[in-house]
Amino acid sequence: MSAIGIIATLRVQPGKEAEFESVFADLAAAVRANEAGNSYYRLFKAGEAGVYKVMECYDDAAATETHRASDHFRTLGARLGPCLAGAPEIETLTAV
């Protein structure tokens, strides 16, 4: 099985950037502590104001499902929702 990469583009409402970054820091720490199948999970600012990219790498499809089903993803993800200016754009990649 090949590793799976994910790039999620998130648009944050003006004035909510600090709250978003704080909650995301908690989520990233929980992912690193609890998801053995995740090897990379990091937030980046894009060139456009309020636009962020999350770069993620998982061992396989099962690890991505473990991430999506985790309590920390559901709980902290719900806290990120009010900061967002729309649905995330998800790009899924397969390692070669």
PDB file of N, CA and C in Angstrom:
ATOM      1  N   MET A   1       0.835  -1.192   0.000  1.00  0.00           N
ATOM      2  CA  MET A   1       0.000   0.000   0.000  1.00  0.00           C
ATOM      3  C   MET A   1       0.874   1.249   0.000  1.00  0.00           C
ATOM      4  N   SER A   2       0.414   2.262  -0.682  1.00  0.00           N
ATOM      5  CA  SER A   2       1.147   3.519  -0.756  1.00  0.00           C
ATOM      6  C   SER A   2       0.659   4.491   0.299  1.00  0.00           C
ATOM      7  N   ALA A   3       1.579   5.326   0.721  1.00  0.00           N
ATOM      8  CA  ALA A   3       1.209   6.401   1.644  1.00  0.00           C
ATOM      9  C   ALA A   3       0.239   7.347   0.939  1.00  0.00           C
ATOM     10  N   ILE A   4      -0.567   8.014   1.737  1.00  0.00           N
ATOM     11  CA  ILE A   4      -1.560   8.948   1.215  1.00  0.00           C
ATOM     12  C   ILE A   4      -1.241  10.342   1.743  1.00  0.00           C
ATOM     13  N   GLY A   5      -1.190  11.289   0.816  1.00  0.00           N
ATOM     14  CA  GLY A   5      -1.002  12.689   1.182  1.00  0.00           C
ATOM     15  C   GLY A   5      -2.313  13.426   1.023  1.00  0.00           C
ATOM     16  N   ILE A   6      -2.533  14.380   1.888  1.00  0.00           N
ATOM     17  CA  ILE A   6      -3.730  15.216   1.798  1.00  0.00           C
ATOM     18  C   ILE A   6      -3.299  16.667   1.940  1.00  0.00           C
ATOM     19  N   ILE A   7      -3.842  17.499   1.067  1.00  0.00           N
ATOM     20  CA  ILE A   7      -3.667  18.944   1.196  1.00  0.00           C
ATOM     21  C   ILE A   7      -5.076  19.512   1.338  1.00  0.00           C
ATOM     22  N   ALA A   8      -5.337  20.084   2.495  1.00  0.00           N
ATOM     23  CA  ALA A   8      -6.639  20.701   2.748  1.00  0.00           C
ATOM     24  C   ALA A   8      -6.476  22.214   2.716  1.00  0.00           C
ATOM     25  N   THR A   9      -7.284  22.870   1.903  1.00  0.00           N
ATOM     26  CA  THR A   9      -7.274  24.326   1.840  1.00  0.00           C
ATOM     27  C   THR A   9      -8.446  24.839   2.672  1.00  0.00           C
ATOM     28  N   LEU A  10      -8.122  25.691   3.632  1.00  0.00           N
ATOM     29  CA  LEU A  10      -9.127  26.215   4.552  1.00  0.00           C
ATOM     30  C   LEU A  10      -9.145  27.738   4.461  1.00  0.00           C
ATOM     31  N   ARG A  11     -10.321  28.291   4.290  1.00  0.00           N
ATOM     32  CA  ARG A  11     -10.481  29.747   4.266  1.00  0.00           C
ATOM     33  C   ARG A  11     -11.111  30.171   5.588  1.00  0.00           C
ATOM     34  N   VAL A  12     -10.439  31.102   6.258  1.00  0.00           N
ATOM     35  CA  VAL A  12     -10.839  31.526   7.596  1.00  0.00           C
ATOM     36  C   VAL A  12     -11.454  32.923   7.525  1.00  0.00           C
ATOM     37  N   GLN A  13     -12.511  33.116   8.296  1.00  0.00           N
ATOM     38  CA  GLN A  13     -13.184  34.411   8.341  1.00  0.00           C
ATOM     39  C   GLN A  13     -12.243  35.487   8.881  1.00  0.00           C
ATOM     40  N   PRO A  14     -12.333  36.699   8.338  1.00  0.00           N
ATOM     41  CA  PRO A  14     -11.505  37.791   8.849  1.00  0.00           C
ATOM     42  C   PRO A  14     -11.697  37.961  10.357  1.00  0.00           C
ATOM     43  N   GLY A  15     -10.600  38.138  11.061  1.00  0.00           N
ATOM     44  CA  GLY A  15     -10.643  38.331  12.500  1.00  0.00           C
ATOM     45  C   GLY A  15     -10.647  37.041  13.305  1.00  0.00           C
ATOM     46  N   LYS A  16     -10.763  35.895  12.647  1.00  0.00           N
ATOM     47  CA  LYS A  16     -10.813  34.603  13.343  1.00  0.00           C
ATOM     48  C   LYS A  16      -9.504  33.823  13.215  1.00  0.00           C
ATOM     49  N   GLU A  17      -8.496  34.432  12.606  1.00  0.00           N
ATOM     50  CA  GLU A  17      -7.244  33.721  12.343  1.00  0.00           C
ATOM     51  C   GLU A  17      -6.567  33.220  13.623  1.00  0.00           C
ATOM     52  N   ALA A  18      -6.470  34.069  14.637  1.00  0.00           N
ATOM     53  CA  ALA A  18      -5.774  33.671  15.877  1.00  0.00           C
ATOM     54  C   ALA A  18      -6.502  32.520  16.565  1.00  0.00           C
ATOM     55  N   GLU A  19      -7.829  32.582  16.607  1.00  0.00           N
ATOM     56  CA  GLU A  19      -8.612  31.500  17.205  1.00  0.00           C
ATOM     57  C   GLU A  19      -8.411  30.203  16.416  1.00  0.00           C
ATOM     58  N   PHE A  20      -8.482  30.306  15.089  1.00  0.00           N
ATOM     59  CA  PHE A  20      -8.280  29.149  14.226  1.00  0.00           C
ATOM     60  C   PHE A  20      -6.913  28.522  14.469  1.00  0.00           C
ATOM     61  N   GLU A  21      -5.869  29.332  14.471  1.00  0.00           N
ATOM     62  CA  GLU A  21      -4.509  28.826  14.657  1.00  0.00           C
ATOM     63  C   GLU A  21      -4.342  28.157  16.025  1.00  0.00           C
ATOM     64  N   SER A  22      -4.964  28.710  17.045  1.00  0.00           N
ATOM     65  CA  SER A  22      -4.874  28.142  18.391  1.00  0.00           C
ATOM     66  C   SER A  22      -5.545  26.773  18.467  1.00  0.00           C
ATOM     67  N   VAL A  23      -6.758  26.672  17.936  1.00  0.00           N
ATOM     68  CA  VAL A  23      -7.471  25.396  17.950  1.00  0.00           C
ATOM     69  C   VAL A  23      -6.725  24.381  17.086  1.00  0.00           C
ATOM     70  N   PHE A  24      -6.212  24.821  15.944  1.00  0.00           N
ATOM     71  CA  PHE A  24      -5.478  23.896  15.084  1.00  0.00           C
ATOM     72  C   PHE A  24      -4.236  23.373  15.779  1.00  0.00           C
ATOM     73  N   ALA A  25      -3.555  24.205  16.550  1.00  0.00           N
ATOM     74  CA  ALA A  25      -2.364  23.756  17.294  1.00  0.00           C
ATOM     75  C   ALA A  25      -2.731  22.615  18.238  1.00  0.00           C
ATOM     76  N   ASP A  26      -3.895  22.731  18.897  1.00  0.00           N
ATOM     77  CA  ASP A  26      -4.366  21.654  19.777  1.00  0.00           C
ATOM     78  C   ASP A  26      -4.652  20.389  18.976  1.00  0.00           C
ATOM     79  N   LEU A  27      -5.277  20.547  17.817  1.00  0.00           N
ATOM     80  CA  LEU A  27      -5.590  19.399  16.965  1.00  0.00           C
ATOM     81  C   LEU A  27      -4.309  18.724  16.478  1.00  0.00           C
ATOM     82  N   ALA A  28      -3.347  19.502  16.014  1.00  0.00           N
ATOM     83  CA  ALA A  28      -2.098  18.929  15.517  1.00  0.00           C
ATOM     84  C   ALA A  28      -1.385  18.150  16.619  1.00  0.00           C
ATOM     85  N   ALA A  29      -1.372  18.682  17.834  1.00  0.00           N
ATOM     86  CA  ALA A  29      -0.734  17.975  18.949  1.00  0.00           C
ATOM     87  C   ALA A  29      -1.444  16.655  19.229  1.00  0.00           C
ATOM     88  N   ALA A  30      -2.771  16.657  19.164  1.00  0.00           N
ATOM     89  CA  ALA A  30      -3.539  15.427  19.407  1.00  0.00           C
ATOM     90  C   ALA A  30      -3.295  14.399  18.309  1.00  0.00           C
ATOM     91  N   VAL A  31      -3.198  14.853  17.065  1.00  0.00           N
ATOM     92  CA  VAL A  31      -2.913  13.934  15.958  1.00  0.00           C
ATOM     93  C   VAL A  31      -1.553  13.278  16.174  1.00  0.00           C
ATOM     94  N   ARG A  32      -0.545  14.090  16.477  1.00  0.00           N
ATOM     95  CA  ARG A  32       0.805  13.551  16.658  1.00  0.00           C
ATOM     96  C   ARG A  32       0.866  12.564  17.827  1.00  0.00           C
ATOM     97  N   ALA A  33       0.107  12.839  18.883  1.00  0.00           N
ATOM     98  CA  ALA A  33       0.151  12.003  20.086  1.00  0.00           C
ATOM     99  C   ALA A  33      -0.649  10.707  19.950  1.00  0.00           C
ATOM    100  N   ASN A  34      -1.670  10.708  19.096  1.00  0.00           N
ATOM    101  CA  ASN A  34      -2.623   9.602  19.096  1.00  0.00           C
ATOM    102  C   ASN A  34      -2.757   8.819  17.800  1.00  0.00           C
ATOM    103  N   GLU A  35      -2.113   9.261  16.733  1.00  0.00           N
ATOM    104  CA  GLU A  35      -2.305   8.605  15.439  1.00  0.00           C
ATOM    105  C   GLU A  35      -0.982   8.070  14.903  1.00  0.00           C
ATOM    106  N   ALA A  36      -0.721   6.815  15.191  1.00  0.00           N
ATOM    107  CA  ALA A  36       0.534   6.194  14.749  1.00  0.00           C
ATOM    108  C   ALA A  36       0.648   6.163  13.222  1.00  0.00           C
ATOM    109  N   GLY A  37      -0.476   6.127  12.522  1.00  0.00           N
ATOM    110  CA  GLY A  37      -0.471   6.055  11.064  1.00  0.00           C
ATOM    111  C   GLY A  37      -0.281   7.390  10.374  1.00  0.00           C
ATOM    112  N   ASN A  38      -0.146   8.459  11.147  1.00  0.00           N
ATOM    113  CA  ASN A  38       0.082   9.783  10.583  1.00  0.00           C
ATOM    114  C   ASN A  38       1.547  10.147  10.765  1.00  0.00           C
ATOM    115  N   SER A  39       2.224  10.504   9.671  1.00  0.00           N
ATOM    116  CA  SER A  39       3.636  10.879   9.765  1.00  0.00           C
ATOM    117  C   SER A  39       3.869  12.377   9.607  1.00  0.00           C
ATOM    118  N   TYR A  40       2.853  13.119   9.166  1.00  0.00           N
ATOM    119  CA  TYR A  40       3.018  14.560   8.976  1.00  0.00           C
ATOM    120  C   TYR A  40       1.657  15.229   9.055  1.00  0.00           C
ATOM    121  N   TYR A  41       1.573  16.317   9.833  1.00  0.00           N
ATOM    122  CA  TYR A  41       0.311  17.047   9.986  1.00  0.00           C
ATOM    123  C   TYR A  41       0.686  18.463  10.382  1.00  0.00           C
ATOM    124  N   ARG A  42       0.655  19.377   9.418  1.00  0.00           N
ATOM    125  CA  ARG A  42       1.143  20.719   9.708  1.00  0.00           C
ATOM    126  C   ARG A  42       0.346  21.772   8.958  1.00  0.00           C
ATOM    127  N   LEU A  43       0.157  22.914   9.628  1.00  0.00           N
ATOM    128  CA  LEU A  43      -0.600  24.038   9.084  1.00  0.00           C
ATOM    129  C   LEU A  43       0.358  25.059   8.470  1.00  0.00           C
ATOM    130  N   PHE A  44      -0.009  25.573   7.297  1.00  0.00           N
ATOM    131  CA  PHE A  44       0.757  26.607   6.618  1.00  0.00           C
ATOM    132  C   PHE A  44      -0.180  27.747   6.226  1.00  0.00           C
ATOM    133  N   LYS A  45       0.341  28.971   6.222  1.00  0.00           N
ATOM    134  CA  LYS A  45      -0.397  30.110   5.682  1.00  0.00           C
ATOM    135  C   LYS A  45      -0.100  30.185   4.193  1.00  0.00           C
ATOM    136  N   ALA A  46      -1.131  30.412   3.412  1.00  0.00           N
ATOM    137  CA  ALA A  46      -0.958  30.618   1.974  1.00  0.00           C
ATOM    138  C   ALA A  46      -0.694  32.109   1.735  1.00  0.00           C
ATOM    139  N   GLY A  47      -0.415  32.466   0.493  1.00  0.00           N
ATOM    140  CA  GLY A  47      -0.134  33.860   0.166  1.00  0.00           C
ATOM    141  C   GLY A  47      -1.333  34.782   0.282  1.00  0.00           C
ATOM    142  N   GLU A  48      -2.507  34.224   0.190  1.00  0.00           N
ATOM    143  CA  GLU A  48      -3.751  35.003   0.241  1.00  0.00           C
ATOM    144  C   GLU A  48      -4.211  35.130   1.693  1.00  0.00           C
ATOM    145  N   ALA A  49      -4.645  36.327   2.101  1.00  0.00           N
ATOM    146  CA  ALA A  49      -5.087  36.562   3.484  1.00  0.00           C
ATOM    147  C   ALA A  49      -6.208  35.599   3.863  1.00  0.00           C
ATOM    148  N   GLY A  50      -6.081  34.999   5.040  1.00  0.00           N
ATOM    149  CA  GLY A  50      -7.120  34.124   5.554  1.00  0.00           C
ATOM    150  C   GLY A  50      -7.148  32.734   4.949  1.00  0.00           C
ATOM    151  N   VAL A  51      -6.182  32.407   4.104  1.00  0.00           N
ATOM    152  CA  VAL A  51      -6.149  31.090   3.469  1.00  0.00           C
ATOM    153  C   VAL A  51      -5.011  30.276   4.079  1.00  0.00           C
ATOM    154  N   TYR A  52      -5.346  29.063   4.512  1.00  0.00           N
ATOM    155  CA  TYR A  52      -4.394  28.153   5.128  1.00  0.00           C
ATOM    156  C   TYR A  52      -4.399  26.844   4.359  1.00  0.00           C
ATOM    157  N   LYS A  53      -3.275  26.140   4.424  1.00  0.00           N
ATOM    158  CA  LYS A  53      -3.156  24.802   3.844  1.00  0.00           C
ATOM    159  C   LYS A  53      -2.695  23.866   4.955  1.00  0.00           C
ATOM    160  N   VAL A  54      -3.367  22.729   5.061  1.00  0.00           N
ATOM    161  CA  VAL A  54      -2.946  21.681   5.979  1.00  0.00           C
ATOM    162  C   VAL A  54      -2.321  20.590   5.122  1.00  0.00           C
ATOM    163  N   MET A  55      -1.080  20.253   5.426  1.00  0.00           N
ATOM    164  CA  MET A  55      -0.399  19.169   4.722  1.00  0.00           C
ATOM    165  C   MET A  55      -0.368  17.978   5.663  1.00  0.00           C
ATOM    166  N   GLU A  56      -0.846  16.833   5.150  1.00  0.00           N
ATOM    167  CA  GLU A  56      -0.975  15.629   5.965  1.00  0.00           C
ATOM    168  C   GLU A  56      -0.394  14.440   5.205  1.00  0.00           C
ATOM    169  N   CYS A  57       0.157  13.491   5.938  1.00  0.00           N
ATOM    170  CA  CYS A  57       0.639  12.256   5.325  1.00  0.00           C
ATOM    171  C   CYS A  57       0.266  11.082   6.229  1.00  0.00           C
ATOM    172  N   TYR A  58      -0.356  10.073   5.618  1.00  0.00           N
ATOM    173  CA  TYR A  58      -0.817   8.888   6.339  1.00  0.00           C
ATOM    174  C   TYR A  58      -0.209   7.643   5.711  1.00  0.00           C
ATOM    175  N   ASP A  59      -0.021   6.609   6.512  1.00  0.00           N
ATOM    176  CA  ASP A  59       0.553   5.353   6.036  1.00  0.00           C
ATOM    177  C   ASP A  59      -0.306   4.688   4.967  1.00  0.00           C
ATOM    178  N   ASP A  60      -1.624   4.782   5.120  1.00  0.00           N
ATOM    179  CA  ASP A  60      -2.553   4.101   4.211  1.00  0.00           C
ATOM    180  C   ASP A  60      -3.960   4.644   4.420  1.00  0.00           C
ATOM    181  N   ALA A  61      -4.910   4.099   3.652  1.00  0.00           N
ATOM    182  CA  ALA A  61      -6.299   4.562   3.733  1.00  0.00           C
ATOM    183  C   ALA A  61      -6.889   4.333   5.121  1.00  0.00           C
ATOM    184  N   ALA A  62      -6.516   3.234   5.765  1.00  0.00           N
ATOM    185  CA  ALA A  62      -7.027   2.956   7.112  1.00  0.00           C
ATOM    186  C   ALA A  62      -6.605   4.052   8.090  1.00  0.00           C
ATOM    187  N   ALA A  63      -5.404   4.570   7.936  1.00  0.00           N
ATOM    188  CA  ALA A  63      -4.928   5.641   8.831  1.00  0.00           C
ATOM    189  C   ALA A  63      -5.707   6.931   8.601  1.00  0.00           C
ATOM    190  N   THR A  64      -6.106   7.199   7.346  1.00  0.00           N
ATOM    191  CA  THR A  64      -6.914   8.400   7.097  1.00  0.00           C
ATOM    192  C   THR A  64      -8.288   8.248   7.743  1.00  0.00           C
ATOM    193  N   GLU A  65      -8.847   7.046   7.686  1.00  0.00           N
ATOM    194  CA  GLU A  65     -10.145   6.802   8.325  1.00  0.00           C
ATOM    195  C   GLU A  65     -10.034   6.902   9.841  1.00  0.00           C
ATOM    196  N   THR A  66      -8.938   6.396  10.402  1.00  0.00           N
ATOM    197  CA  THR A  66      -8.710   6.523  11.844  1.00  0.00           C
ATOM    198  C   THR A  66      -8.690   7.996  12.229  1.00  0.00           C
ATOM    199  N   HIS A  67      -8.039   8.819  11.421  1.00  0.00           N
ATOM    200  CA  HIS A  67      -7.981  10.261  11.678  1.00  0.00           C
ATOM    201  C   HIS A  67      -9.377  10.873  11.671  1.00  0.00           C
ATOM    202  N   ARG A  68     -10.135  10.610  10.614  1.00  0.00           N
ATOM    203  CA  ARG A  68     -11.466  11.214  10.485  1.00  0.00           C
ATOM    204  C   ARG A  68     -12.431  10.766  11.578  1.00  0.00           C
ATOM    205  N   ALA A  69     -12.247   9.548  12.073  1.00  0.00           N
ATOM    206  CA  ALA A  69     -13.159   8.996  13.083  1.00  0.00           C
ATOM    207  C   ALA A  69     -12.723   9.308  14.514  1.00  0.00           C
ATOM    208  N   SER A  70     -11.540   9.888  14.678  1.00  0.00           N
ATOM    209  CA  SER A  70     -11.006  10.107  16.025  1.00  0.00           C
ATOM    210  C   SER A  70     -11.828  11.137  16.803  1.00  0.00           C
ATOM    211  N   ASP A  71     -11.873  10.939  18.113  1.00  0.00           N
ATOM    212  CA  ASP A  71     -12.573  11.892  18.979  1.00  0.00           C
ATOM    213  C   ASP A  71     -11.964  13.277  18.869  1.00  0.00           C
ATOM    214  N   HIS A  72     -10.633  13.351  18.837  1.00  0.00           N
ATOM    215  CA  HIS A  72      -9.997  14.675  18.797  1.00  0.00           C
ATOM    216  C   HIS A  72     -10.306  15.400  17.486  1.00  0.00           C
ATOM    217  N   PHE A  73     -10.373  14.671  16.371  1.00  0.00           N
ATOM    218  CA  PHE A  73     -10.698  15.324  15.105  1.00  0.00           C
ATOM    219  C   PHE A  73     -12.139  15.831  15.122  1.00  0.00           C
ATOM    220  N   ARG A  74     -13.052  15.014  15.616  1.00  0.00           N
ATOM    221  CA  ARG A  74     -14.458  15.433  15.649  1.00  0.00           C
ATOM    222  C   ARG A  74     -14.665  16.592  16.622  1.00  0.00           C
ATOM    223  N   THR A  75     -14.072  16.514  17.802  1.00  0.00           N
ATOM    224  CA  THR A  75     -14.261  17.555  18.822  1.00  0.00           C
ATOM    225  C   THR A  75     -13.594  18.866  18.420  1.00  0.00           C
ATOM    226  N   LEU A  76     -12.319  18.794  18.067  1.00  0.00           N
ATOM    227  CA  LEU A  76     -11.600  20.018  17.718  1.00  0.00           C
ATOM    228  C   LEU A  76     -12.016  20.529  16.347  1.00  0.00           C
ATOM    229  N   GLY A  77     -12.338  19.627  15.437  1.00  0.00           N
ATOM    230  CA  GLY A  77     -12.846  20.040  14.134  1.00  0.00           C
ATOM    231  C   GLY A  77     -14.126  20.860  14.264  1.00  0.00           C
ATOM    232  N   ALA A  78     -14.961  20.485  15.216  1.00  0.00           N
ATOM    233  CA  ALA A  78     -16.200  21.231  15.460  1.00  0.00           C
ATOM    234  C   ALA A  78     -15.884  22.644  15.961  1.00  0.00           C
ATOM    235  N   ARG A  79     -14.787  22.791  16.698  1.00  0.00           N
ATOM    236  CA  ARG A  79     -14.376  24.114  17.173  1.00  0.00           C
ATOM    237  C   ARG A  79     -13.763  24.957  16.056  1.00  0.00           C
ATOM    238  N   LEU A  80     -13.211  24.305  15.042  1.00  0.00           N
ATOM    239  CA  LEU A  80     -12.665  25.045  13.898  1.00  0.00           C
ATOM    240  C   LEU A  80     -13.778  25.573  12.992  1.00  0.00           C
ATOM    241  N   GLY A  81     -14.867  24.823  12.901  1.00  0.00           N
ATOM    242  CA  GLY A  81     -15.959  25.152  11.983  1.00  0.00           C
ATOM    243  C   GLY A  81     -16.410  26.596  12.011  1.00  0.00           C
ATOM    244  N   PRO A  82     -16.687  27.178  13.189  1.00  0.00           N
ATOM    245  CA  PRO A  82     -17.160  28.563  13.238  1.00  0.00           C
ATOM    246  C   PRO A  82     -16.134  29.589  12.745  1.00  0.00           C
ATOM    247  N   CYS A  83     -14.880  29.188  12.628  1.00  0.00           N
ATOM    248  CA  CYS A  83     -13.832  30.092  12.124  1.00  0.00           C
ATOM    249  C   CYS A  83     -13.784  30.111  10.599  1.00  0.00           C
ATOM    250  N   LEU A  84     -14.327  29.086   9.977  1.00  0.00           N
ATOM    251  CA  LEU A  84     -14.184  28.926   8.530  1.00  0.00           C
ATOM    252  C   LEU A  84     -15.167  29.774   7.735  1.00  0.00           C
ATOM    253  N   ALA A  85     -14.723  30.160   6.546  1.00  0.00           N
ATOM    254  CA  ALA A  85     -15.545  30.966   5.652  1.00  0.00           C
ATOM    255  C   ALA A  85     -16.140  30.113   4.535  1.00  0.00           C
ATOM    256  N   GLY A  86     -16.107  28.799   4.693  1.00  0.00           N
ATOM    257  CA  GLY A  86     -16.642  27.893   3.686  1.00  0.00           C
ATOM    258  C   GLY A  86     -16.118  26.498   3.937  1.00  0.00           C
ATOM    259  N   ALA A  87     -16.579  25.563   3.144  1.00  0.00           N
ATOM    260  CA  ALA A  87     -16.154  24.174   3.287  1.00  0.00           C
ATOM    261  C   ALA A  87     -14.685  24.026   2.877  1.00  0.00           C
ATOM    262  N   PRO A  88     -13.947  23.169   3.556  1.00  0.00           N
ATOM    263  CA  PRO A  88     -12.561  22.911   3.166  1.00  0.00           C
ATOM    264  C   PRO A  88     -12.506  22.277   1.773  1.00  0.00           C
ATOM    265  N   GLU A  89     -11.430  22.572   1.048  1.00  0.00           N
ATOM    266  CA  GLU A  89     -11.163  21.924  -0.228  1.00  0.00           C
ATOM    267  C   GLU A  89     -10.095  20.876   0.042  1.00  0.00           C
ATOM    268  N   ILE A  90     -10.396  19.622  -0.268  1.00  0.00           N
ATOM    269  CA  ILE A  90      -9.496  18.510   0.046  1.00  0.00           C
ATOM    270  C   ILE A  90      -8.922  17.920  -1.236  1.00  0.00           C
ATOM    271  N   GLU A  91      -7.602  17.834  -1.294  1.00  0.00           N
ATOM    272  CA  GLU A  91      -6.911  17.183  -2.402  1.00  0.00           C
ATOM    273  C   GLU A  91      -6.205  15.962  -1.841  1.00  0.00           C
ATOM    274  N   THR A  92      -6.480  14.794  -2.406  1.00  0.00           N
ATOM    275  CA  THR A  92      -5.880  13.546  -1.936  1.00  0.00           C
ATOM    276  C   THR A  92      -4.844  13.080  -2.958  1.00  0.00           C
ATOM    277  N   LEU A  93      -3.675  12.709  -2.454  1.00  0.00           N
ATOM    278  CA  LEU A  93      -2.545  12.319  -3.291  1.00  0.00           C
ATOM    279  C   LEU A  93      -2.061  10.934  -2.901  1.00  0.00           C
ATOM    280  N   THR A  94      -1.504  10.197  -3.846  1.00  0.00           N
ATOM    281  CA  THR A  94      -0.927   8.890  -3.578  1.00  0.00           C
ATOM    282  C   THR A  94       0.579   8.967  -3.770  1.00  0.00           C
ATOM    283  N   ALA A  95       1.326   8.500  -2.781  1.00  0.00           N
ATOM    284  CA  ALA A  95       2.786   8.527  -2.866  1.00  0.00           C
ATOM    285  C   ALA A  95       3.278   7.565  -3.946  1.00  0.00           C
ATOM    286  N   VAL A  96       4.379   7.930  -4.577  1.00  0.00           N
ATOM    287  CA  VAL A  96       4.986   7.064  -5.591  1.00  0.00           C
ATOM    288  C   VAL A  96       6.387   6.642  -5.136  1.00  0.00           C
TER     289      VAL A  96
END
